[in-house]
């Protein structure tokens, strides 16, 4: 289901921060690293 999700870095930051709001526990550094990785591997077409 999530493999079809795509976005730029800002969109991925929103997704990750919503996950934090629902209980995920990540540092700011981890969130930024994940957002960058996801934006590079799951970009908007």
PDB file of N, CA and C in Angstrom:
ATOM      1  N   UNK A   1       0.813  -1.182   0.000  1.00  0.00           N
ATOM      2  CA  UNK A   1       0.000   0.000   0.000  1.00  0.00           C
ATOM      3  C   UNK A   1       0.865   1.258   0.000  1.00  0.00           C
ATOM      4  N   UNK A   2       1.828   1.364   0.877  1.00  0.00           N
ATOM      5  CA  UNK A   2       2.643   2.579   0.982  1.00  0.00           C
ATOM      6  C   UNK A   2       3.640   2.726  -0.141  1.00  0.00           C
ATOM      7  N   UNK A   3       3.898   1.664  -0.911  1.00  0.00           N
ATOM      8  CA  UNK A   3       4.901   1.763  -1.972  1.00  0.00           C
ATOM      9  C   UNK A   3       4.477   2.698  -3.092  1.00  0.00           C
ATOM     10  N   UNK A   4       3.200   3.023  -3.186  1.00  0.00           N
ATOM     11  CA  UNK A   4       2.747   3.950  -4.215  1.00  0.00           C
ATOM     12  C   UNK A   4       2.839   5.403  -3.750  1.00  0.00           C
ATOM     13  N   UNK A   5       3.150   5.616  -2.490  1.00  0.00           N
ATOM     14  CA  UNK A   5       3.246   6.979  -1.949  1.00  0.00           C
ATOM     15  C   UNK A   5       4.533   7.627  -2.434  1.00  0.00           C
ATOM     16  N   UNK A   6       4.408   8.857  -2.921  1.00  0.00           N
ATOM     17  CA  UNK A   6       5.561   9.597  -3.416  1.00  0.00           C
ATOM     18  C   UNK A   6       5.460  11.025  -2.903  1.00  0.00           C
ATOM     19  N   UNK A   7       6.599  11.688  -2.807  1.00  0.00           N
ATOM     20  CA  UNK A   7       6.567  13.071  -2.370  1.00  0.00           C
ATOM     21  C   UNK A   7       7.946  13.696  -2.371  1.00  0.00           C
ATOM     22  N   UNK A   8       7.960  15.020  -2.231  1.00  0.00           N
ATOM     23  CA  UNK A   8       9.234  15.708  -2.081  1.00  0.00           C
ATOM     24  C   UNK A   8       9.630  15.670  -0.602  1.00  0.00           C
ATOM     25  N   UNK A   9      10.751  16.267  -0.288  1.00  0.00           N
ATOM     26  CA  UNK A   9      11.262  16.203   1.087  1.00  0.00           C
ATOM     27  C   UNK A   9      10.266  16.798   2.074  1.00  0.00           C
ATOM     28  N   UNK A  10       9.636  17.908   1.722  1.00  0.00           N
ATOM     29  CA  UNK A  10       8.674  18.569   2.602  1.00  0.00           C
ATOM     30  C   UNK A  10       7.486  17.656   2.878  1.00  0.00           C
ATOM     31  N   UNK A  11       6.997  16.979   1.858  1.00  0.00           N
ATOM     32  CA  UNK A  11       5.866  16.063   2.035  1.00  0.00           C
ATOM     33  C   UNK A  11       6.241  14.912   2.954  1.00  0.00           C
ATOM     34  N   UNK A  12       7.450  14.374   2.773  1.00  0.00           N
ATOM     35  CA  UNK A  12       7.886  13.272   3.623  1.00  0.00           C
ATOM     36  C   UNK A  12       8.076  13.722   5.068  1.00  0.00           C
ATOM     37  N   UNK A  13       8.552  14.957   5.257  1.00  0.00           N
ATOM     38  CA  UNK A  13       8.659  15.473   6.620  1.00  0.00           C
ATOM     39  C   UNK A  13       7.288  15.497   7.286  1.00  0.00           C
ATOM     40  N   UNK A  14       6.273  15.902   6.541  1.00  0.00           N
ATOM     41  CA  UNK A  14       4.910  15.907   7.080  1.00  0.00           C
ATOM     42  C   UNK A  14       4.452  14.528   7.485  1.00  0.00           C
ATOM     43  N   UNK A  15       4.728  13.546   6.658  1.00  0.00           N
ATOM     44  CA  UNK A  15       4.359  12.161   6.962  1.00  0.00           C
ATOM     45  C   UNK A  15       5.072  11.688   8.229  1.00  0.00           C
ATOM     46  N   UNK A  16       6.359  11.951   8.305  1.00  0.00           N
ATOM     47  CA  UNK A  16       7.140  11.486   9.451  1.00  0.00           C
ATOM     48  C   UNK A  16       6.711  12.176  10.739  1.00  0.00           C
ATOM     49  N   UNK A  17       6.432  13.462  10.689  1.00  0.00           N
ATOM     50  CA  UNK A  17       5.984  14.166  11.888  1.00  0.00           C
ATOM     51  C   UNK A  17       4.592  13.719  12.323  1.00  0.00           C
ATOM     52  N   UNK A  18       3.736  13.350  11.374  1.00  0.00           N
ATOM     53  CA  UNK A  18       2.435  12.770  11.764  1.00  0.00           C
ATOM     54  C   UNK A  18       2.654  11.447  12.485  1.00  0.00           C
ATOM     55  N   UNK A  19       3.634  10.670  12.015  1.00  0.00           N
ATOM     56  CA  UNK A  19       3.946   9.403  12.677  1.00  0.00           C
ATOM     57  C   UNK A  19       4.465   9.646  14.089  1.00  0.00           C
ATOM     58  N   UNK A  20       5.274  10.684  14.265  1.00  0.00           N
ATOM     59  CA  UNK A  20       5.760  11.045  15.601  1.00  0.00           C
ATOM     60  C   UNK A  20       4.570  11.417  16.483  1.00  0.00           C
ATOM     61  N   UNK A  21       3.632  12.156  15.928  1.00  0.00           N
ATOM     62  CA  UNK A  21       2.440  12.529  16.672  1.00  0.00           C
ATOM     63  C   UNK A  21       1.608  11.340  17.100  1.00  0.00           C
ATOM     64  N   UNK A  22       1.769  10.245  16.400  1.00  0.00           N
ATOM     65  CA  UNK A  22       1.025   9.019  16.734  1.00  0.00           C
ATOM     66  C   UNK A  22       1.856   8.035  17.542  1.00  0.00           C
ATOM     67  N   UNK A  23       3.034   8.478  18.000  1.00  0.00           N
ATOM     68  CA  UNK A  23       3.788   7.623  18.906  1.00  0.00           C
ATOM     69  C   UNK A  23       5.173   7.195  18.454  1.00  0.00           C
ATOM     70  N   UNK A  24       5.554   7.479  17.216  1.00  0.00           N
ATOM     71  CA  UNK A  24       6.908   7.110  16.779  1.00  0.00           C
ATOM     72  C   UNK A  24       7.921   7.945  17.565  1.00  0.00           C
ATOM     73  N   UNK A  25       9.051   7.368  17.871  1.00  0.00           N
ATOM     74  CA  UNK A  25      10.055   8.053  18.674  1.00  0.00           C
ATOM     75  C   UNK A  25      11.358   8.119  17.895  1.00  0.00           C
ATOM     76  N   UNK A  26      11.575   9.251  17.198  1.00  0.00           N
ATOM     77  CA  UNK A  26      12.780   9.464  16.417  1.00  0.00           C
ATOM     78  C   UNK A  26      13.382  10.798  16.788  1.00  0.00           C
ATOM     79  N   UNK A  27      14.686  10.914  16.606  1.00  0.00           N
ATOM     80  CA  UNK A  27      15.357  12.188  16.831  1.00  0.00           C
ATOM     81  C   UNK A  27      15.175  13.062  15.593  1.00  0.00           C
ATOM     82  N   UNK A  28      15.442  14.345  15.755  1.00  0.00           N
ATOM     83  CA  UNK A  28      15.375  15.282  14.631  1.00  0.00           C
ATOM     84  C   UNK A  28      16.323  14.852  13.510  1.00  0.00           C
ATOM     85  N   UNK A  29      17.487  14.373  13.892  1.00  0.00           N
ATOM     86  CA  UNK A  29      18.482  13.911  12.916  1.00  0.00           C
ATOM     87  C   UNK A  29      17.952  12.714  12.125  1.00  0.00           C
ATOM     88  N   UNK A  30      17.318  11.778  12.805  1.00  0.00           N
ATOM     89  CA  UNK A  30      16.761  10.608  12.126  1.00  0.00           C
ATOM     90  C   UNK A  30      15.630  11.001  11.176  1.00  0.00           C
ATOM     91  N   UNK A  31      14.785  11.919  11.613  1.00  0.00           N
ATOM     92  CA  UNK A  31      13.673  12.375  10.778  1.00  0.00           C
ATOM     93  C   UNK A  31      14.208  13.025   9.507  1.00  0.00           C
ATOM     94  N   UNK A  32      15.204  13.886   9.647  1.00  0.00           N
ATOM     95  CA  UNK A  32      15.780  14.547   8.475  1.00  0.00           C
ATOM     96  C   UNK A  32      16.434  13.546   7.529  1.00  0.00           C
ATOM     97  N   UNK A  33      17.134  12.563   8.088  1.00  0.00           N
ATOM     98  CA  UNK A  33      17.778  11.542   7.256  1.00  0.00           C
ATOM     99  C   UNK A  33      16.737  10.717   6.499  1.00  0.00           C
ATOM    100  N   UNK A  34      15.669  10.331   7.194  1.00  0.00           N
ATOM    101  CA  UNK A  34      14.619   9.546   6.541  1.00  0.00           C
ATOM    102  C   UNK A  34      13.908  10.349   5.463  1.00  0.00           C
ATOM    103  N   UNK A  35      13.624  11.622   5.730  1.00  0.00           N
ATOM    104  CA  UNK A  35      12.947  12.461   4.745  1.00  0.00           C
ATOM    105  C   UNK A  35      13.803  12.624   3.490  1.00  0.00           C
ATOM    106  N   UNK A  36      15.089  12.818   3.674  1.00  0.00           N
ATOM    107  CA  UNK A  36      15.993  12.946   2.534  1.00  0.00           C
ATOM    108  C   UNK A  36      16.037  11.648   1.739  1.00  0.00           C
ATOM    109  N   UNK A  37      16.175  10.533   2.424  1.00  0.00           N
ATOM    110  CA  UNK A  37      16.217   9.229   1.764  1.00  0.00           C
ATOM    111  C   UNK A  37      14.925   8.970   0.984  1.00  0.00           C
ATOM    112  N   UNK A  38      13.783   9.203   1.616  1.00  0.00           N
ATOM    113  CA  UNK A  38      12.505   8.949   0.958  1.00  0.00           C
ATOM    114  C   UNK A  38      12.296   9.872  -0.241  1.00  0.00           C
ATOM    115  N   UNK A  39      12.695  11.119  -0.130  1.00  0.00           N
ATOM    116  CA  UNK A  39      12.561  12.051  -1.251  1.00  0.00           C
ATOM    117  C   UNK A  39      13.429  11.630  -2.431  1.00  0.00           C
ATOM    118  N   UNK A  40      14.563  11.017  -2.152  1.00  0.00           N
ATOM    119  CA  UNK A  40      15.447  10.560  -3.222  1.00  0.00           C
ATOM    120  C   UNK A  40      14.987   9.249  -3.839  1.00  0.00           C
ATOM    121  N   UNK A  41      14.401   8.373  -3.031  1.00  0.00           N
ATOM    122  CA  UNK A  41      14.001   7.051  -3.533  1.00  0.00           C
ATOM    123  C   UNK A  41      12.532   6.963  -3.929  1.00  0.00           C
ATOM    124  N   UNK A  42      11.685   7.878  -3.408  1.00  0.00           N
ATOM    125  CA  UNK A  42      10.251   7.888  -3.716  1.00  0.00           C
ATOM    126  C   UNK A  42       9.829   9.287  -4.141  1.00  0.00           C
ATOM    127  N   UNK A  43      10.466   9.860  -5.194  1.00  0.00           N
ATOM    128  CA  UNK A  43      10.162  11.238  -5.597  1.00  0.00           C
ATOM    129  C   UNK A  43       8.815  11.351  -6.308  1.00  0.00           C
ATOM    130  N   UNK A  44       8.350  12.578  -6.399  1.00  0.00           N
ATOM    131  CA  UNK A  44       7.140  12.855  -7.191  1.00  0.00           C
ATOM    132  C   UNK A  44       7.515  12.669  -8.656  1.00  0.00           C
ATOM    133  N   UNK A  45       6.659  12.017  -9.393  1.00  0.00           N
ATOM    134  CA  UNK A  45       6.947  11.785 -10.818  1.00  0.00           C
ATOM    135  C   UNK A  45       6.581  12.980 -11.640  1.00  0.00           C
TER     136      UNK A  45
END
